[in-house]
Amino acid sequence: MAKLDKAGVGRKSTASQDRILRAKYHDYCSARVADVLLRLTADEMYLLAQEVAGEPEGSEVDVPSFAEIVRLATDRLTRDLALPDFPRWVSEYEADPRRFEREMLGLWREDLSTSDRGVD
């Protein structure tokens, strides 16, 4: 079993460390977006999606599906949160892992257990 450093990253190959960091990065970003999404009411989410889609408020034309509303709202929130890019996040994470791990959902472990799924 590999020993873990203070960031919880095993002392393995650089490729393995990169994969762990990418999984943690995706977890962190997902947690930030999910936190905001969960605070929105259904009406707020719908209005946000309308705004992103460029539809005038109160428009009856082609009401998007719930899945489309969530996708549009998530896209907007992701931009509005100004999440760091991966290299910046890694630098900040390595300086203070606990700051980021408090906000993670723990999904990164599941990402790593799915070996046939790539992480970007």
PDB file of N, CA and C in Angstrom:
ATOM      1  N   MET A   1       0.843  -1.182   0.000  1.00  0.00           N
ATOM      2  CA  MET A   1       0.000   0.000   0.000  1.00  0.00           C
ATOM      3  C   MET A   1       0.888   1.244   0.000  1.00  0.00           C
ATOM      4  N   ALA A   2       0.571   2.188  -0.855  1.00  0.00           N
ATOM      5  CA  ALA A   2       1.375   3.399  -0.970  1.00  0.00           C
ATOM      6  C   ALA A   2       1.139   4.312   0.221  1.00  0.00           C
ATOM      7  N   LYS A   3       2.189   4.964   0.661  1.00  0.00           N
ATOM      8  CA  LYS A   3       2.051   5.942   1.738  1.00  0.00           C
ATOM      9  C   LYS A   3       1.444   7.205   1.166  1.00  0.00           C
ATOM     10  N   LEU A   4       0.695   7.925   2.002  1.00  0.00           N
ATOM     11  CA  LEU A   4       0.062   9.161   1.566  1.00  0.00           C
ATOM     12  C   LEU A   4       0.828  10.346   2.116  1.00  0.00           C
ATOM     13  N   ASP A   5       0.951  11.373   1.293  1.00  0.00           N
ATOM     14  CA  ASP A   5       1.571  12.596   1.780  1.00  0.00           C
ATOM     15  C   ASP A   5       0.513  13.436   2.490  1.00  0.00           C
ATOM     16  N   LYS A   6       0.868  14.625   2.939  1.00  0.00           N
ATOM     17  CA  LYS A   6      -0.064  15.448   3.710  1.00  0.00           C
ATOM     18  C   LYS A   6      -1.310  15.855   2.919  1.00  0.00           C
ATOM     19  N   ALA A   7      -1.260  15.812   1.593  1.00  0.00           N
ATOM     20  CA  ALA A   7      -2.420  16.160   0.770  1.00  0.00           C
ATOM     21  C   ALA A   7      -3.293  14.947   0.490  1.00  0.00           C
ATOM     22  N   GLY A   8      -2.913  13.775   1.002  1.00  0.00           N
ATOM     23  CA  GLY A   8      -3.696  12.579   0.745  1.00  0.00           C
ATOM     24  C   GLY A   8      -3.378  11.961  -0.601  1.00  0.00           C
ATOM     25  N   VAL A   9      -2.303  12.395  -1.211  1.00  0.00           N
ATOM     26  CA  VAL A   9      -1.890  11.886  -2.512  1.00  0.00           C
ATOM     27  C   VAL A   9      -0.807  10.846  -2.288  1.00  0.00           C
ATOM     28  N   GLY A  10      -0.999   9.667  -2.833  1.00  0.00           N
ATOM     29  CA  GLY A  10      -0.014   8.605  -2.680  1.00  0.00           C
ATOM     30  C   GLY A  10       1.285   8.960  -3.369  1.00  0.00           C
ATOM     31  N   ARG A  11       2.374   8.502  -2.812  1.00  0.00           N
ATOM     32  CA  ARG A  11       3.675   8.750  -3.434  1.00  0.00           C
ATOM     33  C   ARG A  11       3.891   7.717  -4.525  1.00  0.00           C
ATOM     34  N   LYS A  12       3.234   7.940  -5.627  1.00  0.00           N
ATOM     35  CA  LYS A  12       3.312   7.040  -6.771  1.00  0.00           C
ATOM     36  C   LYS A  12       3.894   7.818  -7.932  1.00  0.00           C
ATOM     37  N   SER A  13       3.632   7.360  -9.105  1.00  0.00           N
ATOM     38  CA  SER A  13       4.146   8.045 -10.287  1.00  0.00           C
ATOM     39  C   SER A  13       3.462   9.391 -10.463  1.00  0.00           C
ATOM     40  N   THR A  14       4.089  10.258 -11.223  1.00  0.00           N
ATOM     41  CA  THR A  14       3.526  11.569 -11.510  1.00  0.00           C
ATOM     42  C   THR A  14       2.172  11.442 -12.198  1.00  0.00           C
ATOM     43  N   ALA A  15       2.012  10.483 -13.098  1.00  0.00           N
ATOM     44  CA  ALA A  15       0.732  10.286 -13.785  1.00  0.00           C
ATOM     45  C   ALA A  15      -0.364   9.941 -12.800  1.00  0.00           C
ATOM     46  N   SER A  16      -0.049   9.116 -11.833  1.00  0.00           N
ATOM     47  CA  SER A  16      -1.023   8.742 -10.817  1.00  0.00           C
ATOM     48  C   SER A  16      -1.379   9.941  -9.938  1.00  0.00           C
ATOM     49  N   GLN A  17      -0.388  10.716  -9.560  1.00  0.00           N
ATOM     50  CA  GLN A  17      -0.632  11.919  -8.759  1.00  0.00           C
ATOM     51  C   GLN A  17      -1.498  12.909  -9.534  1.00  0.00           C
ATOM     52  N   ASP A  18      -1.206  13.068 -10.820  1.00  0.00           N
ATOM     53  CA  ASP A  18      -1.983  13.973 -11.663  1.00  0.00           C
ATOM     54  C   ASP A  18      -3.436  13.512 -11.726  1.00  0.00           C
ATOM     55  N   ARG A  19      -3.635  12.227 -11.842  1.00  0.00           N
ATOM     56  CA  ARG A  19      -4.995  11.676 -11.908  1.00  0.00           C
ATOM     57  C   ARG A  19      -5.747  11.947 -10.602  1.00  0.00           C
ATOM     58  N   ILE A  20      -5.084  11.791  -9.476  1.00  0.00           N
ATOM     59  CA  ILE A  20      -5.703  12.070  -8.183  1.00  0.00           C
ATOM     60  C   ILE A  20      -6.032  13.553  -8.059  1.00  0.00           C
ATOM     61  N   LEU A  21      -5.082  14.397  -8.427  1.00  0.00           N
ATOM     62  CA  LEU A  21      -5.316  15.840  -8.335  1.00  0.00           C
ATOM     63  C   LEU A  21      -6.457  16.273  -9.251  1.00  0.00           C
ATOM     64  N   ARG A  22      -6.532  15.707 -10.452  1.00  0.00           N
ATOM     65  CA  ARG A  22      -7.632  16.054 -11.362  1.00  0.00           C
ATOM     66  C   ARG A  22      -8.980  15.617 -10.789  1.00  0.00           C
ATOM     67  N   ALA A  23      -9.018  14.454 -10.182  1.00  0.00           N
ATOM     68  CA  ALA A  23     -10.261  13.976  -9.565  1.00  0.00           C
ATOM     69  C   ALA A  23     -10.654  14.902  -8.410  1.00  0.00           C
ATOM     70  N   LYS A  24      -9.682  15.317  -7.609  1.00  0.00           N
ATOM     71  CA  LYS A  24      -9.974  16.229  -6.503  1.00  0.00           C
ATOM     72  C   LYS A  24     -10.418  17.596  -7.023  1.00  0.00           C
ATOM     73  N   TYR A  25      -9.794  18.054  -8.093  1.00  0.00           N
ATOM     74  CA  TYR A  25     -10.172  19.337  -8.703  1.00  0.00           C
ATOM     75  C   TYR A  25     -11.618  19.289  -9.177  1.00  0.00           C
ATOM     76  N   HIS A  26     -11.985  18.230  -9.874  1.00  0.00           N
ATOM     77  CA  HIS A  26     -13.361  18.098 -10.350  1.00  0.00           C
ATOM     78  C   HIS A  26     -14.337  18.016  -9.179  1.00  0.00           C
ATOM     79  N   ASP A  27     -13.953  17.327  -8.126  1.00  0.00           N
ATOM     80  CA  ASP A  27     -14.785  17.235  -6.929  1.00  0.00           C
ATOM     81  C   ASP A  27     -14.992  18.628  -6.324  1.00  0.00           C
ATOM     82  N   TYR A  28     -13.906  19.365  -6.168  1.00  0.00           N
ATOM     83  CA  TYR A  28     -13.984  20.707  -5.593  1.00  0.00           C
ATOM     84  C   TYR A  28     -14.898  21.610  -6.419  1.00  0.00           C
ATOM     85  N   CYS A  29     -14.685  21.632  -7.738  1.00  0.00           N
ATOM     86  CA  CYS A  29     -15.509  22.484  -8.610  1.00  0.00           C
ATOM     87  C   CYS A  29     -16.975  22.050  -8.571  1.00  0.00           C
ATOM     88  N   SER A  30     -17.220  20.745  -8.601  1.00  0.00           N
ATOM     89  CA  SER A  30     -18.584  20.226  -8.534  1.00  0.00           C
ATOM     90  C   SER A  30     -19.264  20.641  -7.235  1.00  0.00           C
ATOM     91  N   ALA A  31     -18.538  20.572  -6.149  1.00  0.00           N
ATOM     92  CA  ALA A  31     -19.100  20.943  -4.843  1.00  0.00           C
ATOM     93  C   ALA A  31     -19.470  22.416  -4.803  1.00  0.00           C
ATOM     94  N   ARG A  32     -18.621  23.251  -5.373  1.00  0.00           N
ATOM     95  CA  ARG A  32     -18.915  24.697  -5.386  1.00  0.00           C
ATOM     96  C   ARG A  32     -20.175  24.991  -6.190  1.00  0.00           C
ATOM     97  N   VAL A  33     -20.292  24.374  -7.382  1.00  0.00           N
ATOM     98  CA  VAL A  33     -21.467  24.591  -8.229  1.00  0.00           C
ATOM     99  C   VAL A  33     -22.710  24.002  -7.567  1.00  0.00           C
ATOM    100  N   ALA A  34     -22.598  22.800  -7.022  1.00  0.00           N
ATOM    101  CA  ALA A  34     -23.743  22.151  -6.371  1.00  0.00           C
ATOM    102  C   ALA A  34     -24.248  22.977  -5.204  1.00  0.00           C
ATOM    103  N   ASP A  35     -23.350  23.556  -4.438  1.00  0.00           N
ATOM    104  CA  ASP A  35     -23.758  24.372  -3.296  1.00  0.00           C
ATOM    105  C   ASP A  35     -24.663  25.520  -3.737  1.00  0.00           C
ATOM    106  N   VAL A  36     -24.269  26.199  -4.802  1.00  0.00           N
ATOM    107  CA  VAL A  36     -25.074  27.321  -5.295  1.00  0.00           C
ATOM    108  C   VAL A  36     -26.382  26.810  -5.906  1.00  0.00           C
ATOM    109  N   LEU A  37     -26.301  25.743  -6.689  1.00  0.00           N
ATOM    110  CA  LEU A  37     -27.515  25.187  -7.303  1.00  0.00           C
ATOM    111  C   LEU A  37     -28.553  24.795  -6.257  1.00  0.00           C
ATOM    112  N   LEU A  38     -28.105  24.184  -5.180  1.00  0.00           N
ATOM    113  CA  LEU A  38     -29.035  23.729  -4.150  1.00  0.00           C
ATOM    114  C   LEU A  38     -29.704  24.883  -3.403  1.00  0.00           C
ATOM    115  N   ARG A  39     -29.121  26.040  -3.450  1.00  0.00           N
ATOM    116  CA  ARG A  39     -29.702  27.206  -2.782  1.00  0.00           C
ATOM    117  C   ARG A  39     -30.746  27.917  -3.650  1.00  0.00           C
ATOM    118  N   LEU A  40     -30.780  27.598  -4.946  1.00  0.00           N
ATOM    119  CA  LEU A  40     -31.727  28.247  -5.853  1.00  0.00           C
ATOM    120  C   LEU A  40     -33.115  27.631  -5.721  1.00  0.00           C
ATOM    121  N   THR A  41     -34.128  28.483  -5.773  1.00  0.00           N
ATOM    122  CA  THR A  41     -35.493  27.968  -5.854  1.00  0.00           C
ATOM    123  C   THR A  41     -35.725  27.531  -7.300  1.00  0.00           C
ATOM    124  N   ALA A  42     -36.774  26.794  -7.532  1.00  0.00           N
ATOM    125  CA  ALA A  42     -37.111  26.369  -8.896  1.00  0.00           C
ATOM    126  C   ALA A  42     -37.333  27.588  -9.792  1.00  0.00           C
ATOM    127  N   ASP A  43     -37.985  28.616  -9.272  1.00  0.00           N
ATOM    128  CA  ASP A  43     -38.222  29.834 -10.055  1.00  0.00           C
ATOM    129  C   ASP A  43     -36.912  30.546 -10.393  1.00  0.00           C
ATOM    130  N   GLU A  44     -36.003  30.629  -9.421  1.00  0.00           N
ATOM    131  CA  GLU A  44     -34.712  31.270  -9.678  1.00  0.00           C
ATOM    132  C   GLU A  44     -33.924  30.504 -10.738  1.00  0.00           C
ATOM    133  N   MET A  45     -33.976  29.181 -10.666  1.00  0.00           N
ATOM    134  CA  MET A  45     -33.260  28.373 -11.647  1.00  0.00           C
ATOM    135  C   MET A  45     -33.853  28.589 -13.049  1.00  0.00           C
ATOM    136  N   TYR A  46     -35.171  28.631 -13.130  1.00  0.00           N
ATOM    137  CA  TYR A  46     -35.843  28.837 -14.419  1.00  0.00           C
ATOM    138  C   TYR A  46     -35.476  30.208 -14.987  1.00  0.00           C
ATOM    139  N   LEU A  47     -35.520  31.251 -14.152  1.00  0.00           N
ATOM    140  CA  LEU A  47     -35.171  32.595 -14.616  1.00  0.00           C
ATOM    141  C   LEU A  47     -33.711  32.670 -15.051  1.00  0.00           C
ATOM    142  N   LEU A  48     -32.846  32.023 -14.324  1.00  0.00           N
ATOM    143  CA  LEU A  48     -31.426  31.986 -14.694  1.00  0.00           C
ATOM    144  C   LEU A  48     -31.245  31.298 -16.039  1.00  0.00           C
ATOM    145  N   ALA A  49     -31.931  30.182 -16.230  1.00  0.00           N
ATOM    146  CA  ALA A  49     -31.841  29.454 -17.500  1.00  0.00           C
ATOM    147  C   ALA A  49     -32.393  30.291 -18.644  1.00  0.00           C
ATOM    148  N   GLN A  50     -33.497  31.005 -18.415  1.00  0.00           N
ATOM    149  CA  GLN A  50     -34.056  31.885 -19.447  1.00  0.00           C
ATOM    150  C   GLN A  50     -33.051  32.959 -19.834  1.00  0.00           C
ATOM    151  N   GLU A  51     -32.404  33.518 -18.822  1.00  0.00           N
ATOM    152  CA  GLU A  51     -31.412  34.562 -19.067  1.00  0.00           C
ATOM    153  C   GLU A  51     -30.256  34.026 -19.904  1.00  0.00           C
ATOM    154  N   VAL A  52     -29.776  32.846 -19.554  1.00  0.00           N
ATOM    155  CA  VAL A  52     -28.658  32.244 -20.285  1.00  0.00           C
ATOM    156  C   VAL A  52     -29.065  31.925 -21.718  1.00  0.00           C
ATOM    157  N   ALA A  53     -30.290  31.430 -21.885  1.00  0.00           N
ATOM    158  CA  ALA A  53     -30.768  31.061 -23.219  1.00  0.00           C
ATOM    159  C   ALA A  53     -31.113  32.286 -24.057  1.00  0.00           C
ATOM    160  N   GLY A  54     -31.165  33.455 -23.429  1.00  0.00           N
ATOM    161  CA  GLY A  54     -31.463  34.680 -24.167  1.00  0.00           C
ATOM    162  C   GLY A  54     -32.935  34.872 -24.448  1.00  0.00           C
ATOM    163  N   GLU A  55     -33.788  34.176 -23.722  1.00  0.00           N
ATOM    164  CA  GLU A  55     -35.227  34.321 -23.911  1.00  0.00           C
ATOM    165  C   GLU A  55     -35.725  35.472 -23.061  1.00  0.00           C
ATOM    166  N   PRO A  56     -36.680  36.240 -23.599  1.00  0.00           N
ATOM    167  CA  PRO A  56     -37.266  37.294 -22.779  1.00  0.00           C
ATOM    168  C   PRO A  56     -38.057  36.687 -21.624  1.00  0.00           C
ATOM    169  N   GLU A  57     -38.020  37.352 -20.475  1.00  0.00           N
ATOM    170  CA  GLU A  57     -38.742  36.866 -19.305  1.00  0.00           C
ATOM    171  C   GLU A  57     -40.224  36.736 -19.641  1.00  0.00           C
ATOM    172  N   GLY A  58     -40.826  35.623 -19.246  1.00  0.00           N
ATOM    173  CA  GLY A  58     -42.248  35.392 -19.504  1.00  0.00           C
ATOM    174  C   GLY A  58     -42.531  34.820 -20.878  1.00  0.00           C
ATOM    175  N   SER A  59     -41.492  34.500 -21.641  1.00  0.00           N
ATOM    176  CA  SER A  59     -41.663  33.945 -22.977  1.00  0.00           C
ATOM    177  C   SER A  59     -42.310  32.572 -22.906  1.00  0.00           C
ATOM    178  N   GLU A  60     -43.257  32.323 -23.771  1.00  0.00           N
ATOM    179  CA  GLU A  60     -43.936  31.027 -23.818  1.00  0.00           C
ATOM    180  C   GLU A  60     -43.362  30.131 -24.915  1.00  0.00           C
ATOM    181  N   VAL A  61     -42.372  30.624 -25.648  1.00  0.00           N
ATOM    182  CA  VAL A  61     -41.814  29.904 -26.779  1.00  0.00           C
ATOM    183  C   VAL A  61     -40.895  28.781 -26.298  1.00  0.00           C
ATOM    184  N   ASP A  62     -41.171  27.552 -26.734  1.00  0.00           N
ATOM    185  CA  ASP A  62     -40.313  26.397 -26.445  1.00  0.00           C
ATOM    186  C   ASP A  62     -39.768  26.370 -25.018  1.00  0.00           C
ATOM    187  N   VAL A  63     -40.627  26.108 -24.063  1.00  0.00           N
ATOM    188  CA  VAL A  63     -40.210  25.998 -22.671  1.00  0.00           C
ATOM    189  C   VAL A  63     -39.219  24.838 -22.568  1.00  0.00           C
ATOM    190  N   PRO A  64     -38.004  25.114 -22.061  1.00  0.00           N
ATOM    191  CA  PRO A  64     -36.993  24.053 -21.997  1.00  0.00           C
ATOM    192  C   PRO A  64     -37.375  22.977 -20.987  1.00  0.00           C
ATOM    193  N   SER A  65     -36.842  21.789 -21.195  1.00  0.00           N
ATOM    194  CA  SER A  65     -37.055  20.692 -20.251  1.00  0.00           C
ATOM    195  C   SER A  65     -36.316  21.018 -18.952  1.00  0.00           C
ATOM    196  N   PHE A  66     -36.657  20.301 -17.899  1.00  0.00           N
ATOM    197  CA  PHE A  66     -35.978  20.525 -16.618  1.00  0.00           C
ATOM    198  C   PHE A  66     -34.483  20.260 -16.759  1.00  0.00           C
ATOM    199  N   ALA A  67     -34.121  19.201 -17.484  1.00  0.00           N
ATOM    200  CA  ALA A  67     -32.704  18.878 -17.678  1.00  0.00           C
ATOM    201  C   ALA A  67     -31.981  20.031 -18.377  1.00  0.00           C
ATOM    202  N   GLU A  68     -32.638  20.648 -19.355  1.00  0.00           N
ATOM    203  CA  GLU A  68     -32.035  21.776 -20.068  1.00  0.00           C
ATOM    204  C   GLU A  68     -31.912  22.991 -19.136  1.00  0.00           C
ATOM    205  N   ILE A  69     -32.907  23.207 -18.306  1.00  0.00           N
ATOM    206  CA  ILE A  69     -32.861  24.314 -17.347  1.00  0.00           C
ATOM    207  C   ILE A  69     -31.678  24.135 -16.405  1.00  0.00           C
ATOM    208  N   VAL A  70     -31.503  22.929 -15.888  1.00  0.00           N
ATOM    209  CA  VAL A  70     -30.394  22.658 -14.965  1.00  0.00           C
ATOM    210  C   VAL A  70     -29.055  22.835 -15.680  1.00  0.00           C
ATOM    211  N   ARG A  71     -28.961  22.347 -16.925  1.00  0.00           N
ATOM    212  CA  ARG A  71     -27.711  22.494 -17.685  1.00  0.00           C
ATOM    213  C   ARG A  71     -27.373  23.962 -17.902  1.00  0.00           C
ATOM    214  N   LEU A  72     -28.358  24.744 -18.321  1.00  0.00           N
ATOM    215  CA  LEU A  72     -28.120  26.166 -18.568  1.00  0.00           C
ATOM    216  C   LEU A  72     -27.747  26.903 -17.282  1.00  0.00           C
ATOM    217  N   ALA A  73     -28.460  26.607 -16.207  1.00  0.00           N
ATOM    218  CA  ALA A  73     -28.158  27.249 -14.926  1.00  0.00           C
ATOM    219  C   ALA A  73     -26.763  26.862 -14.453  1.00  0.00           C
ATOM    220  N   THR A  74     -26.403  25.595 -14.617  1.00  0.00           N
ATOM    221  CA  THR A  74     -25.076  25.122 -14.203  1.00  0.00           C
ATOM    222  C   THR A  74     -23.980  25.801 -15.020  1.00  0.00           C
ATOM    223  N   ASP A  75     -24.197  25.933 -16.322  1.00  0.00           N
ATOM    224  CA  ASP A  75     -23.215  26.622 -17.171  1.00  0.00           C
ATOM    225  C   ASP A  75     -22.985  28.049 -16.687  1.00  0.00           C
ATOM    226  N   ARG A  76     -24.057  28.752 -16.399  1.00  0.00           N
ATOM    227  CA  ARG A  76     -23.936  30.141 -15.949  1.00  0.00           C
ATOM    228  C   ARG A  76     -23.237  30.209 -14.596  1.00  0.00           C
ATOM    229  N   LEU A  77     -23.649  29.368 -13.665  1.00  0.00           N
ATOM    230  CA  LEU A  77     -23.048  29.395 -12.333  1.00  0.00           C
ATOM    231  C   LEU A  77     -21.561  29.069 -12.388  1.00  0.00           C
ATOM    232  N   THR A  78     -21.194  28.143 -13.244  1.00  0.00           N
ATOM    233  CA  THR A  78     -19.787  27.775 -13.384  1.00  0.00           C
ATOM    234  C   THR A  78     -18.966  28.982 -13.832  1.00  0.00           C
ATOM    235  N   ARG A  79     -19.505  29.737 -14.783  1.00  0.00           N
ATOM    236  CA  ARG A  79     -18.807  30.953 -15.233  1.00  0.00           C
ATOM    237  C   ARG A  79     -18.783  32.010 -14.131  1.00  0.00           C
ATOM    238  N   ASP A  80     -19.920  32.205 -13.462  1.00  0.00           N
ATOM    239  CA  ASP A  80     -20.020  33.253 -12.445  1.00  0.00           C
ATOM    240  C   ASP A  80     -19.131  32.984 -11.226  1.00  0.00           C
ATOM    241  N   LEU A  81     -18.920  31.727 -10.904  1.00  0.00           N
ATOM    242  CA  LEU A  81     -18.097  31.388  -9.742  1.00  0.00           C
ATOM    243  C   LEU A  81     -16.614  31.650  -9.976  1.00  0.00           C
ATOM    244  N   ALA A  82     -16.225  31.819 -11.219  1.00  0.00           N
ATOM    245  CA  ALA A  82     -14.828  32.075 -11.564  1.00  0.00           C
ATOM    246  C   ALA A  82     -13.906  31.057 -10.890  1.00  0.00           C
ATOM    247  N   LEU A  83     -14.209  29.791 -11.097  1.00  0.00           N
ATOM    248  CA  LEU A  83     -13.395  28.721 -10.527  1.00  0.00           C
ATOM    249  C   LEU A  83     -11.991  28.765 -11.125  1.00  0.00           C
ATOM    250  N   PRO A  84     -10.988  28.434 -10.340  1.00  0.00           N
ATOM    251  CA  PRO A  84      -9.617  28.475 -10.869  1.00  0.00           C
ATOM    252  C   PRO A  84      -9.405  27.386 -11.919  1.00  0.00           C
ATOM    253  N   ASP A  85      -8.487  27.653 -12.847  1.00  0.00           N
ATOM    254  CA  ASP A  85      -8.145  26.590 -13.788  1.00  0.00           C
ATOM    255  C   ASP A  85      -7.303  25.553 -13.041  1.00  0.00           C
ATOM    256  N   PHE A  86      -7.100  24.415 -13.671  1.00  0.00           N
ATOM    257  CA  PHE A  86      -6.431  23.305 -12.994  1.00  0.00           C
ATOM    258  C   PHE A  86      -5.033  23.653 -12.476  1.00  0.00           C
ATOM    259  N   PRO A  87      -4.144  24.242 -13.293  1.00  0.00           N
ATOM    260  CA  PRO A  87      -2.794  24.548 -12.774  1.00  0.00           C
ATOM    261  C   PRO A  87      -2.825  25.495 -11.567  1.00  0.00           C
ATOM    262  N   ARG A  88      -3.674  26.504 -11.603  1.00  0.00           N
ATOM    263  CA  ARG A  88      -3.765  27.429 -10.467  1.00  0.00           C
ATOM    264  C   ARG A  88      -4.304  26.716  -9.236  1.00  0.00           C
ATOM    265  N   TRP A  89      -5.328  25.883  -9.445  1.00  0.00           N
ATOM    266  CA  TRP A  89      -5.913  25.148  -8.327  1.00  0.00           C
ATOM    267  C   TRP A  89      -4.870  24.238  -7.682  1.00  0.00           C
ATOM    268  N   VAL A  90      -4.087  23.526  -8.503  1.00  0.00           N
ATOM    269  CA  VAL A  90      -3.059  22.620  -7.971  1.00  0.00           C
ATOM    270  C   VAL A  90      -2.077  23.397  -7.107  1.00  0.00           C
ATOM    271  N   SER A  91      -1.644  24.536  -7.583  1.00  0.00           N
ATOM    272  CA  SER A  91      -0.696  25.354  -6.821  1.00  0.00           C
ATOM    273  C   SER A  91      -1.296  25.763  -5.474  1.00  0.00           C
ATOM    274  N   GLU A  92      -2.531  26.216  -5.483  1.00  0.00           N
ATOM    275  CA  GLU A  92      -3.198  26.634  -4.252  1.00  0.00           C
ATOM    276  C   GLU A  92      -3.502  25.432  -3.349  1.00  0.00           C
ATOM    277  N   TYR A  93      -3.878  24.319  -3.961  1.00  0.00           N
ATOM    278  CA  TYR A  93      -4.185  23.106  -3.195  1.00  0.00           C
ATOM    279  C   TYR A  93      -2.936  22.588  -2.483  1.00  0.00           C
ATOM    280  N   GLU A  94      -1.826  22.547  -3.194  1.00  0.00           N
ATOM    281  CA  GLU A  94      -0.602  22.046  -2.590  1.00  0.00           C
ATOM    282  C   GLU A  94      -0.120  22.938  -1.446  1.00  0.00           C
ATOM    283  N   ALA A  95      -0.438  24.229  -1.504  1.00  0.00           N
ATOM    284  CA  ALA A  95      -0.064  25.151  -0.434  1.00  0.00           C
ATOM    285  C   ALA A  95      -0.921  24.944   0.819  1.00  0.00           C
ATOM    286  N   ASP A  96      -2.197  24.568   0.632  1.00  0.00           N
ATOM    287  CA  ASP A  96      -3.104  24.403   1.778  1.00  0.00           C
ATOM    288  C   ASP A  96      -4.238  23.436   1.414  1.00  0.00           C
ATOM    289  N   PRO A  97      -3.984  22.135   1.414  1.00  0.00           N
ATOM    290  CA  PRO A  97      -4.997  21.151   1.009  1.00  0.00           C
ATOM    291  C   PRO A  97      -6.271  21.205   1.852  1.00  0.00           C
ATOM    292  N   ARG A  98      -6.127  21.462   3.144  1.00  0.00           N
ATOM    293  CA  ARG A  98      -7.310  21.466   4.024  1.00  0.00           C
ATOM    294  C   ARG A  98      -8.324  22.520   3.612  1.00  0.00           C
ATOM    295  N   ARG A  99      -7.867  23.631   3.091  1.00  0.00           N
ATOM    296  CA  ARG A  99      -8.771  24.698   2.644  1.00  0.00           C
ATOM    297  C   ARG A  99      -9.740  24.179   1.588  1.00  0.00           C
ATOM    298  N   PHE A 100      -9.254  23.333   0.710  1.00  0.00           N
ATOM    299  CA  PHE A 100     -10.084  22.810  -0.377  1.00  0.00           C
ATOM    300  C   PHE A 100     -10.838  21.549   0.028  1.00  0.00           C
ATOM    301  N   GLU A 101     -10.205  20.714   0.822  1.00  0.00           N
ATOM    302  CA  GLU A 101     -10.822  19.441   1.185  1.00  0.00           C
ATOM    303  C   GLU A 101     -12.068  19.626   2.038  1.00  0.00           C
ATOM    304  N   ARG A 102     -12.164  20.736   2.761  1.00  0.00           N
ATOM    305  CA  ARG A 102     -13.379  21.030   3.537  1.00  0.00           C
ATOM    306  C   ARG A 102     -14.591  21.163   2.629  1.00  0.00           C
ATOM    307  N   GLU A 103     -14.365  21.591   1.399  1.00  0.00           N
ATOM    308  CA  GLU A 103     -15.465  21.838   0.466  1.00  0.00           C
ATOM    309  C   GLU A 103     -15.733  20.661  -0.475  1.00  0.00           C
ATOM    310  N   MET A 104     -14.866  19.684  -0.496  1.00  0.00           N
ATOM    311  CA  MET A 104     -15.049  18.547  -1.396  1.00  0.00           C
ATOM    312  C   MET A 104     -16.165  17.635  -0.908  1.00  0.00           C
ATOM    313  N   LEU A 105     -16.776  16.947  -1.859  1.00  0.00           N
ATOM    314  CA  LEU A 105     -17.860  16.024  -1.548  1.00  0.00           C
ATOM    315  C   LEU A 105     -17.377  14.600  -1.325  1.00  0.00           C
ATOM    316  N   GLY A 106     -16.128  14.321  -1.682  1.00  0.00           N
ATOM    317  CA  GLY A 106     -15.593  12.968  -1.571  1.00  0.00           C
ATOM    318  C   GLY A 106     -15.791  12.151  -2.839  1.00  0.00           C
ATOM    319  N   LEU A 107     -16.303  12.794  -3.878  1.00  0.00           N
ATOM    320  CA  LEU A 107     -16.545  12.097  -5.143  1.00  0.00           C
ATOM    321  C   LEU A 107     -15.262  11.706  -5.854  1.00  0.00           C
ATOM    322  N   TRP A 108     -14.173  12.352  -5.499  1.00  0.00           N
ATOM    323  CA  TRP A 108     -12.908  12.080  -6.183  1.00  0.00           C
ATOM    324  C   TRP A 108     -12.479  10.633  -5.997  1.00  0.00           C
ATOM    325  N   ARG A 109     -12.808  10.037  -4.860  1.00  0.00           N
ATOM    326  CA  ARG A 109     -12.433   8.637  -4.627  1.00  0.00           C
ATOM    327  C   ARG A 109     -13.163   7.714  -5.606  1.00  0.00           C
ATOM    328  N   GLU A 110     -14.436   8.018  -5.842  1.00  0.00           N
ATOM    329  CA  GLU A 110     -15.215   7.226  -6.795  1.00  0.00           C
ATOM    330  C   GLU A 110     -14.683   7.408  -8.212  1.00  0.00           C
ATOM    331  N   ASP A 111     -14.285   8.640  -8.554  1.00  0.00           N
ATOM    332  CA  ASP A 111     -13.707   8.893  -9.878  1.00  0.00           C
ATOM    333  C   ASP A 111     -12.484   8.021 -10.112  1.00  0.00           C
ATOM    334  N   LEU A 112     -11.662   7.859  -9.076  1.00  0.00           N
ATOM    335  CA  LEU A 112     -10.451   7.061  -9.217  1.00  0.00           C
ATOM    336  C   LEU A 112     -10.745   5.573  -9.328  1.00  0.00           C
ATOM    337  N   SER A 113     -11.858   5.142  -8.733  1.00  0.00           N
ATOM    338  CA  SER A 113     -12.176   3.707  -8.768  1.00  0.00           C
ATOM    339  C   SER A 113     -12.744   3.283 -10.120  1.00  0.00           C
ATOM    340  N   THR A 114     -13.099   4.234 -10.947  1.00  0.00           N
ATOM    341  CA  THR A 114     -13.622   3.940 -12.283  1.00  0.00           C
ATOM    342  C   THR A 114     -12.457   4.032 -13.263  1.00  0.00           C
ATOM    343  N   SER A 115     -11.789   2.928 -13.476  1.00  0.00           N
ATOM    344  CA  SER A 115     -10.536   2.955 -14.230  1.00  0.00           C
ATOM    345  C   SER A 115     -10.703   3.244 -15.715  1.00  0.00           C
ATOM    346  N   ASP A 116     -11.863   2.949 -16.298  1.00  0.00           N
ATOM    347  CA  ASP A 116     -12.011   3.154 -17.734  1.00  0.00           C
ATOM    348  C   ASP A 116     -12.528   4.552 -18.068  1.00  0.00           C
ATOM    349  N   ARG A 117     -12.697   5.397 -17.099  1.00  0.00           N
ATOM    350  CA  ARG A 117     -13.193   6.730 -17.343  1.00  0.00           C
ATOM    351  C   ARG A 117     -12.046   7.721 -17.282  1.00  0.00           C
ATOM    352  N   GLY A 118     -11.870   8.518 -18.316  1.00  0.00           N
ATOM    353  CA  GLY A 118     -10.819   9.523 -18.342  1.00  0.00           C
ATOM    354  C   GLY A 118     -11.189  10.718 -17.519  1.00  0.00           C
ATOM    355  N   VAL A 119     -10.210  11.445 -17.035  1.00  0.00           N
ATOM    356  CA  VAL A 119     -10.441  12.698 -16.307  1.00  0.00           C
ATOM    357  C   VAL A 119      -9.728  13.810 -17.032  1.00  0.00           C
ATOM    358  N   ASP A 120     -10.436  14.918 -17.272  1.00  0.00           N
ATOM    359  CA  ASP A 120      -9.835  16.078 -17.930  1.00  0.00           C
ATOM    360  C   ASP A 120      -9.727  17.195 -16.939  1.00  0.00           C
TER     361      ASP A 120
END
